N, C-alpha and C. Protein backbone atom coordinates (compact mmCIF):
# COMPACT_ATOMS: atom_id res chain seq x y z
N UNK A 1 97.46 126.43 115.51
CA UNK A 1 98.71 125.41 115.99
C UNK A 1 98.29 124.01 115.24
N UNK A 2 98.72 123.10 115.29
CA UNK A 2 98.78 121.60 115.51
C UNK A 2 98.41 120.94 115.93
N UNK A 3 97.14 120.43 115.69
CA UNK A 3 96.87 119.22 117.47
C UNK A 3 97.64 117.96 117.23
N UNK A 4 97.74 117.97 118.97
CA UNK A 4 98.82 116.54 119.30
C UNK A 4 97.97 115.40 119.35
N UNK A 5 98.61 114.60 119.38
CA UNK A 5 97.52 113.15 118.53
C UNK A 5 97.58 112.45 120.33
N UNK A 6 95.87 112.09 121.16
CA UNK A 6 96.05 111.47 121.67
C UNK A 6 96.43 110.17 122.29
N UNK A 7 97.47 110.35 122.91
CA UNK A 7 97.88 108.41 123.35
C UNK A 7 97.61 107.73 124.12
N UNK A 8 97.37 106.68 124.20
CA UNK A 8 97.81 106.00 125.50
C UNK A 8 98.53 104.61 125.26
N UNK A 9 99.42 104.77 126.55
CA UNK A 9 100.56 103.84 126.85
C UNK A 9 100.35 102.66 127.41
N UNK A 10 99.93 101.07 127.13
CA UNK A 10 100.35 100.18 127.28
C UNK A 10 101.82 99.20 127.90
N UNK A 11 102.09 99.46 128.82
CA UNK A 11 103.47 98.32 129.04
C UNK A 11 103.14 97.58 130.34
N UNK A 12 103.07 96.08 130.45
CA UNK A 12 103.80 95.79 132.06
C UNK A 12 105.48 95.74 133.36
N UNK A 13 105.87 97.34 132.11
CA UNK A 13 106.65 97.71 133.01
C UNK A 13 106.60 99.04 132.96
N UNK A 14 105.99 99.51 134.61
CA UNK A 14 106.09 100.97 135.24
C UNK A 14 107.06 102.25 134.86
N UNK A 15 108.64 101.20 134.85
CA UNK A 15 109.27 102.20 134.48
C UNK A 15 109.51 103.00 132.89
N UNK A 16 109.44 101.73 132.17
CA UNK A 16 109.17 102.04 131.10
C UNK A 16 108.06 103.19 130.54
N UNK A 17 106.66 102.87 131.13
CA UNK A 17 106.01 104.03 130.75
C UNK A 17 106.17 104.74 131.26
N UNK A 18 107.05 105.43 132.56
CA UNK A 18 107.48 106.55 132.73
C UNK A 18 108.06 106.87 131.74
N UNK A 19 108.98 106.03 131.09
CA UNK A 19 110.11 106.51 130.25
C UNK A 19 109.48 107.06 128.95
N UNK A 20 108.68 106.48 127.78
CA UNK A 20 107.75 106.91 127.27
C UNK A 20 106.49 107.82 127.49
N UNK A 21 106.47 108.76 129.02
CA UNK A 21 105.39 108.78 128.85
C UNK A 21 106.64 111.21 128.41
N UNK A 22 107.57 110.54 129.83
CA UNK A 22 108.93 111.78 129.54
C UNK A 22 109.25 111.76 128.20
N UNK A 23 108.77 110.86 127.08
CA UNK A 23 109.46 111.06 125.48
C UNK A 23 108.79 111.75 124.75
N UNK A 24 107.41 111.13 125.00
CA UNK A 24 106.46 112.17 124.04
C UNK A 24 105.15 112.97 124.87
N UNK A 25 105.59 113.72 126.23
CA UNK A 25 104.98 114.81 127.22
C UNK A 25 104.71 116.21 125.86
N UNK A 26 106.10 116.21 124.92
CA UNK A 26 105.69 117.70 124.27
C UNK A 26 105.08 117.73 122.68
N UNK A 27 105.42 115.89 122.67
CA UNK A 27 104.46 115.72 121.41
C UNK A 27 103.01 115.76 120.69
N UNK A 28 102.06 114.81 122.30
CA UNK A 28 101.14 113.83 122.39
C UNK A 28 100.56 114.67 123.34
N UNK A 29 99.21 114.40 123.74
CA UNK A 29 98.14 114.69 125.07
C UNK A 29 98.37 113.02 125.26
N UNK A 30 98.78 112.47 126.39
CA UNK A 30 99.30 111.37 127.00
C UNK A 30 97.64 110.99 127.71
N UNK A 31 96.76 109.95 127.04
CA UNK A 31 95.02 109.78 127.43
C UNK A 31 95.07 108.90 129.07
N UNK A 32 96.15 108.33 128.86
CA UNK A 32 96.16 107.25 130.31
C UNK A 32 97.65 106.08 129.98
N UNK A 33 98.28 105.66 130.83
CA UNK A 33 98.98 104.44 130.93
C UNK A 33 98.45 103.37 132.32
N UNK A 34 98.32 102.30 130.91
CA UNK A 34 97.92 100.94 131.36
C UNK A 34 99.53 100.07 131.10
N UNK A 35 99.49 98.66 132.22
CA UNK A 35 100.33 98.11 132.49
C UNK A 35 99.48 96.12 132.73
N UNK A 36 98.46 96.52 132.21
CA UNK A 36 97.61 94.97 131.89
C UNK A 36 96.75 94.95 130.59
N UNK A 37 96.95 93.20 130.39
CA UNK A 37 95.89 93.47 129.37
C UNK A 37 94.95 94.46 129.25
N UNK A 38 93.54 93.61 130.13
CA UNK A 38 92.83 93.78 130.10
C UNK A 38 92.28 95.26 129.96
N UNK A 39 92.95 95.78 131.25
CA UNK A 39 92.99 97.33 130.92
C UNK A 39 93.33 97.82 129.63
N UNK A 40 93.97 97.66 128.75
CA UNK A 40 94.19 97.87 127.61
C UNK A 40 93.21 98.10 126.43
N UNK A 41 92.95 96.89 126.00
CA UNK A 41 91.37 96.57 126.41
C UNK A 41 89.97 97.93 125.86
N UNK A 42 89.57 97.92 127.14
CA UNK A 42 89.11 98.39 128.21
C UNK A 42 88.57 100.46 127.74
N UNK A 43 90.36 100.52 128.35
CA UNK A 43 90.06 101.60 127.80
C UNK A 43 90.14 102.12 126.72
N UNK A 44 91.67 101.22 126.18
CA UNK A 44 91.42 101.75 124.02
C UNK A 44 90.05 102.42 123.35
N UNK A 45 88.90 101.19 124.23
CA UNK A 45 87.27 101.56 123.62
C UNK A 45 86.85 102.25 124.42
N UNK A 46 87.72 102.68 125.42
CA UNK A 46 86.87 103.74 126.33
C UNK A 46 87.20 105.71 125.93
N UNK A 47 88.76 105.16 125.72
CA UNK A 47 89.05 106.72 125.17
C UNK A 47 89.57 106.85 124.23
N UNK A 48 89.68 105.79 123.20
CA UNK A 48 89.55 105.84 121.82
C UNK A 48 90.63 106.93 121.49
N UNK A 49 92.14 106.55 121.95
CA UNK A 49 93.15 107.33 121.36
C UNK A 49 93.47 107.30 120.37
N UNK A 50 94.23 108.64 119.58
CA UNK A 50 94.35 108.60 117.80
C UNK A 50 94.91 107.51 117.72
N UNK A 51 96.45 107.14 119.39
CA UNK A 51 97.10 106.34 118.90
C UNK A 51 97.52 105.35 120.01
N UNK A 52 97.56 104.04 120.25
CA UNK A 52 98.05 102.90 121.23
C UNK A 52 99.59 102.72 121.16
N UNK A 53 100.08 103.35 121.94
CA UNK A 53 101.29 102.33 122.61
C UNK A 53 101.41 101.56 122.98
N UNK A 54 102.10 100.13 122.43
CA UNK A 54 101.45 98.85 122.96
C UNK A 54 102.84 97.82 123.20
N UNK A 55 103.01 97.32 123.89
CA UNK A 55 104.16 96.21 124.48
C UNK A 55 103.12 95.39 123.91
N UNK A 56 104.91 94.14 123.72
CA UNK A 56 104.16 92.86 122.76
C UNK A 56 103.73 91.66 124.22
N UNK A 57 105.61 91.90 124.70
CA UNK A 57 105.52 91.30 125.76
C UNK A 57 104.20 91.96 126.91
N UNK A 58 103.00 91.45 127.22
CA UNK A 58 102.04 91.93 128.51
C UNK A 58 101.70 90.79 129.37
N UNK A 59 102.16 89.96 130.11
CA UNK A 59 101.55 88.67 130.31
C UNK A 59 101.00 87.93 130.22
N UNK A 60 100.17 87.28 130.61
CA UNK A 60 99.13 85.63 130.26
C UNK A 60 98.99 86.51 128.94
N UNK A 61 98.28 87.38 128.16
CA UNK A 61 97.69 88.00 127.27
C UNK A 61 98.68 88.60 126.42
N UNK A 62 98.97 88.23 124.85
CA UNK A 62 99.91 89.47 124.52
C UNK A 62 99.99 90.03 124.17
N UNK A 63 101.11 91.54 123.15
CA UNK A 63 100.52 92.24 121.94
C UNK A 63 99.17 92.01 121.49
N UNK A 64 99.36 91.82 120.61
CA UNK A 64 99.31 90.68 119.38
C UNK A 64 97.76 90.10 119.73
N UNK A 65 97.84 89.08 120.71
CA UNK A 65 96.09 88.95 120.65
C UNK A 65 95.21 91.14 121.36
N UNK A 66 96.02 90.93 122.06
CA UNK A 66 95.17 92.16 122.03
C UNK A 66 95.09 93.26 121.18
N UNK A 67 96.31 93.34 119.99
CA UNK A 67 95.65 94.36 118.56
C UNK A 67 94.43 93.44 118.09
N UNK A 68 94.41 92.42 118.16
CA UNK A 68 93.11 91.10 117.77
C UNK A 68 92.19 91.58 117.86
N UNK A 69 91.96 91.10 119.06
CA UNK A 69 91.06 92.08 119.99
C UNK A 69 90.40 93.05 119.65
N UNK A 70 90.41 94.31 119.31
CA UNK A 70 90.98 95.66 119.53
C UNK A 70 90.18 95.97 117.98
N UNK A 71 90.91 95.26 117.30
CA UNK A 71 90.55 95.32 115.32
C UNK A 71 88.96 94.27 114.96
N UNK A 72 88.88 93.16 116.79
CA UNK A 72 87.41 92.99 116.26
C UNK A 72 86.54 93.87 116.24
N UNK A 73 86.61 94.77 117.87
CA UNK A 73 85.60 95.65 118.33
C UNK A 73 85.70 96.75 117.22
N UNK A 74 86.26 96.41 116.26
CA UNK A 74 85.81 97.58 115.37
C UNK A 74 86.97 99.16 116.03
N UNK A 75 88.00 98.72 116.60
CA UNK A 75 88.33 99.78 117.45
C UNK A 75 89.36 101.29 116.31
N UNK A 76 89.23 102.17 116.06
CA UNK A 76 90.31 102.76 115.44
C UNK A 76 91.53 103.37 115.69
N UNK A 77 91.99 102.81 117.03
CA UNK A 77 92.93 103.75 117.21
C UNK A 77 94.03 102.81 115.96
N UNK A 78 95.41 104.27 116.16
CA UNK A 78 96.62 103.31 115.16
C UNK A 78 97.25 102.34 116.65
N UNK A 79 98.04 101.61 115.60
CA UNK A 79 98.73 100.73 117.03
C UNK A 79 100.21 100.60 116.90
N UNK A 80 101.56 101.88 117.92
CA UNK A 80 102.12 101.29 117.16
C UNK A 80 103.16 100.42 118.69
N UNK A 81 103.32 99.18 118.32
CA UNK A 81 104.40 97.86 119.17
C UNK A 81 105.43 98.72 119.50
N UNK A 82 105.29 98.65 121.01
CA UNK A 82 107.25 99.47 121.35
C UNK A 82 107.74 98.12 122.27
N UNK A 83 108.78 97.87 122.23
CA UNK A 83 109.67 96.13 122.09
C UNK A 83 110.86 95.68 122.50
N UNK A 84 110.93 94.81 123.06
CA UNK A 84 112.70 94.24 123.22
C UNK A 84 112.23 93.68 122.07
N UNK A 85 111.73 93.06 121.35
CA UNK A 85 111.91 92.16 120.75
C UNK A 85 111.71 92.60 118.33
N UNK A 86 113.49 92.47 119.04
CA UNK A 86 113.67 93.22 117.02
C UNK A 86 114.24 91.78 116.07
N UNK A 87 113.58 90.85 116.65
CA UNK A 87 113.81 89.63 115.12
C UNK A 87 112.25 90.03 114.00
N UNK A 88 112.82 90.03 113.06
CA UNK A 88 111.67 89.68 111.63
C UNK A 88 110.45 89.78 111.75
N UNK A 89 110.33 87.92 112.46
CA UNK A 89 108.92 87.92 112.50
C UNK A 89 108.26 88.18 113.62
N UNK A 90 108.65 89.23 114.79
CA UNK A 90 108.00 89.65 114.92
C UNK A 90 107.44 91.00 114.85
N UNK A 91 108.07 91.85 113.84
CA UNK A 91 107.93 92.59 112.58
C UNK A 91 106.96 92.44 112.32
N UNK A 92 106.88 91.36 111.79
CA UNK A 92 105.82 90.56 110.48
C UNK A 92 104.52 90.15 110.88
N UNK A 93 104.49 89.73 112.67
CA UNK A 93 103.66 89.67 113.72
C UNK A 93 102.84 91.17 113.62
N UNK A 94 103.32 91.63 114.25
CA UNK A 94 102.85 93.08 114.40
C UNK A 94 101.89 93.55 113.34
N UNK A 95 102.26 93.85 111.81
CA UNK A 95 101.97 94.35 111.01
C UNK A 95 100.96 93.38 110.93
N UNK A 96 101.16 92.77 110.26
CA UNK A 96 99.82 91.01 110.26
C UNK A 96 99.23 91.66 111.89
N UNK A 97 98.40 91.85 112.32
CA UNK A 97 97.70 92.53 113.51
C UNK A 97 97.30 93.58 112.96
N UNK A 98 97.85 93.88 112.39
CA UNK A 98 96.83 95.63 112.46
C UNK A 98 98.15 96.93 112.83
N UNK A 99 99.02 96.58 112.75
CA UNK A 99 99.89 97.87 113.52
C UNK A 99 99.64 98.86 112.44
N UNK A 100 100.70 100.14 112.76
CA UNK A 100 100.78 101.65 112.09
C UNK A 100 102.47 101.92 112.16
N UNK A 101 103.19 100.98 113.42
CA UNK A 101 104.13 101.76 113.53
C UNK A 101 105.41 100.10 114.58
N UNK A 102 106.29 100.23 114.44
CA UNK A 102 107.08 98.95 115.22
C UNK A 102 108.15 100.05 116.11
N UNK A 103 108.34 99.88 117.06
CA UNK A 103 109.94 100.97 117.39
C UNK A 103 110.71 99.11 118.81
N UNK A 104 111.99 99.60 118.54
CA UNK A 104 112.51 98.73 119.74
C UNK A 104 112.96 99.38 121.19
N UNK A 105 112.51 98.90 121.60
CA UNK A 105 112.50 100.03 123.67
C UNK A 105 113.96 100.37 123.61
N UNK A 106 115.45 99.64 122.48
CA UNK A 106 116.57 99.46 122.80
C UNK A 106 116.63 101.36 121.83
N UNK A 107 116.15 101.51 120.76
CA UNK A 107 115.84 102.84 120.28
C UNK A 107 114.79 103.89 120.45
N UNK A 108 113.84 103.88 121.36
CA UNK A 108 113.07 104.28 122.09
C UNK A 108 113.18 105.61 122.21
N UNK A 109 114.42 106.25 122.66
CA UNK A 109 114.88 107.69 122.88
C UNK A 109 115.14 108.42 121.36
N UNK A 110 115.21 107.87 120.49
CA UNK A 110 115.10 108.03 119.01
C UNK A 110 114.52 107.96 118.39
N UNK A 111 113.51 106.62 118.35
CA UNK A 111 112.79 106.46 117.69
C UNK A 111 111.25 106.74 117.63
N UNK A 112 110.86 106.22 119.07
CA UNK A 112 109.49 106.54 119.55
C UNK A 112 108.84 107.88 118.68
N UNK A 113 108.94 109.02 119.24
CA UNK A 113 109.06 110.67 118.64
C UNK A 113 108.42 110.69 116.99
N UNK A 114 109.62 110.05 116.16
CA UNK A 114 109.59 109.85 115.39
C UNK A 114 108.36 108.41 114.55
N UNK A 115 108.25 107.93 115.37
CA UNK A 115 106.92 107.03 114.99
C UNK A 115 105.96 107.33 115.12
N UNK A 116 105.48 107.91 116.52
CA UNK A 116 104.66 108.90 116.45
C UNK A 116 103.85 109.65 115.75
N UNK A 117 104.70 110.60 114.58
CA UNK A 117 104.54 111.51 114.13
C UNK A 117 103.98 111.02 112.80
N UNK A 118 104.37 109.91 112.45
CA UNK A 118 104.45 109.24 110.60
C UNK A 118 103.00 108.60 111.75
N UNK A 119 103.04 107.79 112.07
CA UNK A 119 101.42 107.50 112.23
C UNK A 119 100.48 107.78 112.72
N UNK A 120 100.68 108.99 113.30
CA UNK A 120 99.67 110.16 113.09
C UNK A 120 99.15 110.72 111.77
N UNK A 121 100.30 110.72 111.04
CA UNK A 121 100.16 111.71 109.50
C UNK A 121 99.73 110.44 108.51
N UNK A 122 98.82 109.21 109.46
CA UNK A 122 99.01 108.35 108.18
C UNK A 122 99.75 107.12 107.68
N UNK A 123 101.17 107.64 108.26
CA UNK A 123 102.46 106.30 107.45
C UNK A 123 102.78 105.49 108.21
N UNK A 124 103.82 104.58 107.56
CA UNK A 124 103.76 103.45 108.90
C UNK A 124 105.46 103.93 109.54
N UNK A 125 105.34 103.67 110.34
CA UNK A 125 106.84 102.66 111.40
C UNK A 125 107.69 102.76 111.38
N UNK A 126 109.04 101.79 110.60
CA UNK A 126 109.24 100.64 110.37
C UNK A 126 111.44 101.27 111.00
N UNK A 127 111.26 99.68 112.28
CA UNK A 127 112.86 100.07 112.54
C UNK A 127 114.04 100.25 111.85
N UNK A 128 115.03 101.94 111.89
CA UNK A 128 116.02 101.21 110.40
C UNK A 128 116.51 100.22 110.94
N UNK A 129 116.66 100.35 112.19
CA UNK A 129 118.34 99.11 112.61
C UNK A 129 118.16 98.30 111.08
N UNK A 130 119.29 97.48 111.16
CA UNK A 130 119.91 96.29 109.78
C UNK A 130 118.89 95.57 111.54
N UNK A 131 118.28 94.31 110.81
CA UNK A 131 117.78 92.88 110.99
C UNK A 131 118.11 92.30 110.56
N UNK A 132 118.88 91.68 111.67
CA UNK A 132 119.46 89.93 111.29
C UNK A 132 118.22 89.14 110.77
N UNK A 133 118.69 88.19 109.60
CA UNK A 133 116.99 87.51 109.17
C UNK A 133 117.15 86.28 109.64
């Protein structure tokens, strides 16, 4: 049997955390769910998940800043951004800070598992929806 990736979820919306847990429960081991930036950094460094699924809008500190902080601490967890931001500049910024995947919340029911499988397999996941320039 294949090894399931260990996943940490980070979103400031508890409802989104619950939906993501439900979507991923068969394809991963959820090691935690956090809703504030400080907890994301601390728990990621502590738990060392294979994949961190991270919102961009996390309050005072955004997901890009969190990703930069994790990379500066040599965190090896792969990052998938799960966000409402569908604009190209956000997608570019996500990959600039080291993301391996990007999923629109509007497509999380169809794309989140696919993104997790791709990223855990060492690939990059980019949204399939047309993105206005």
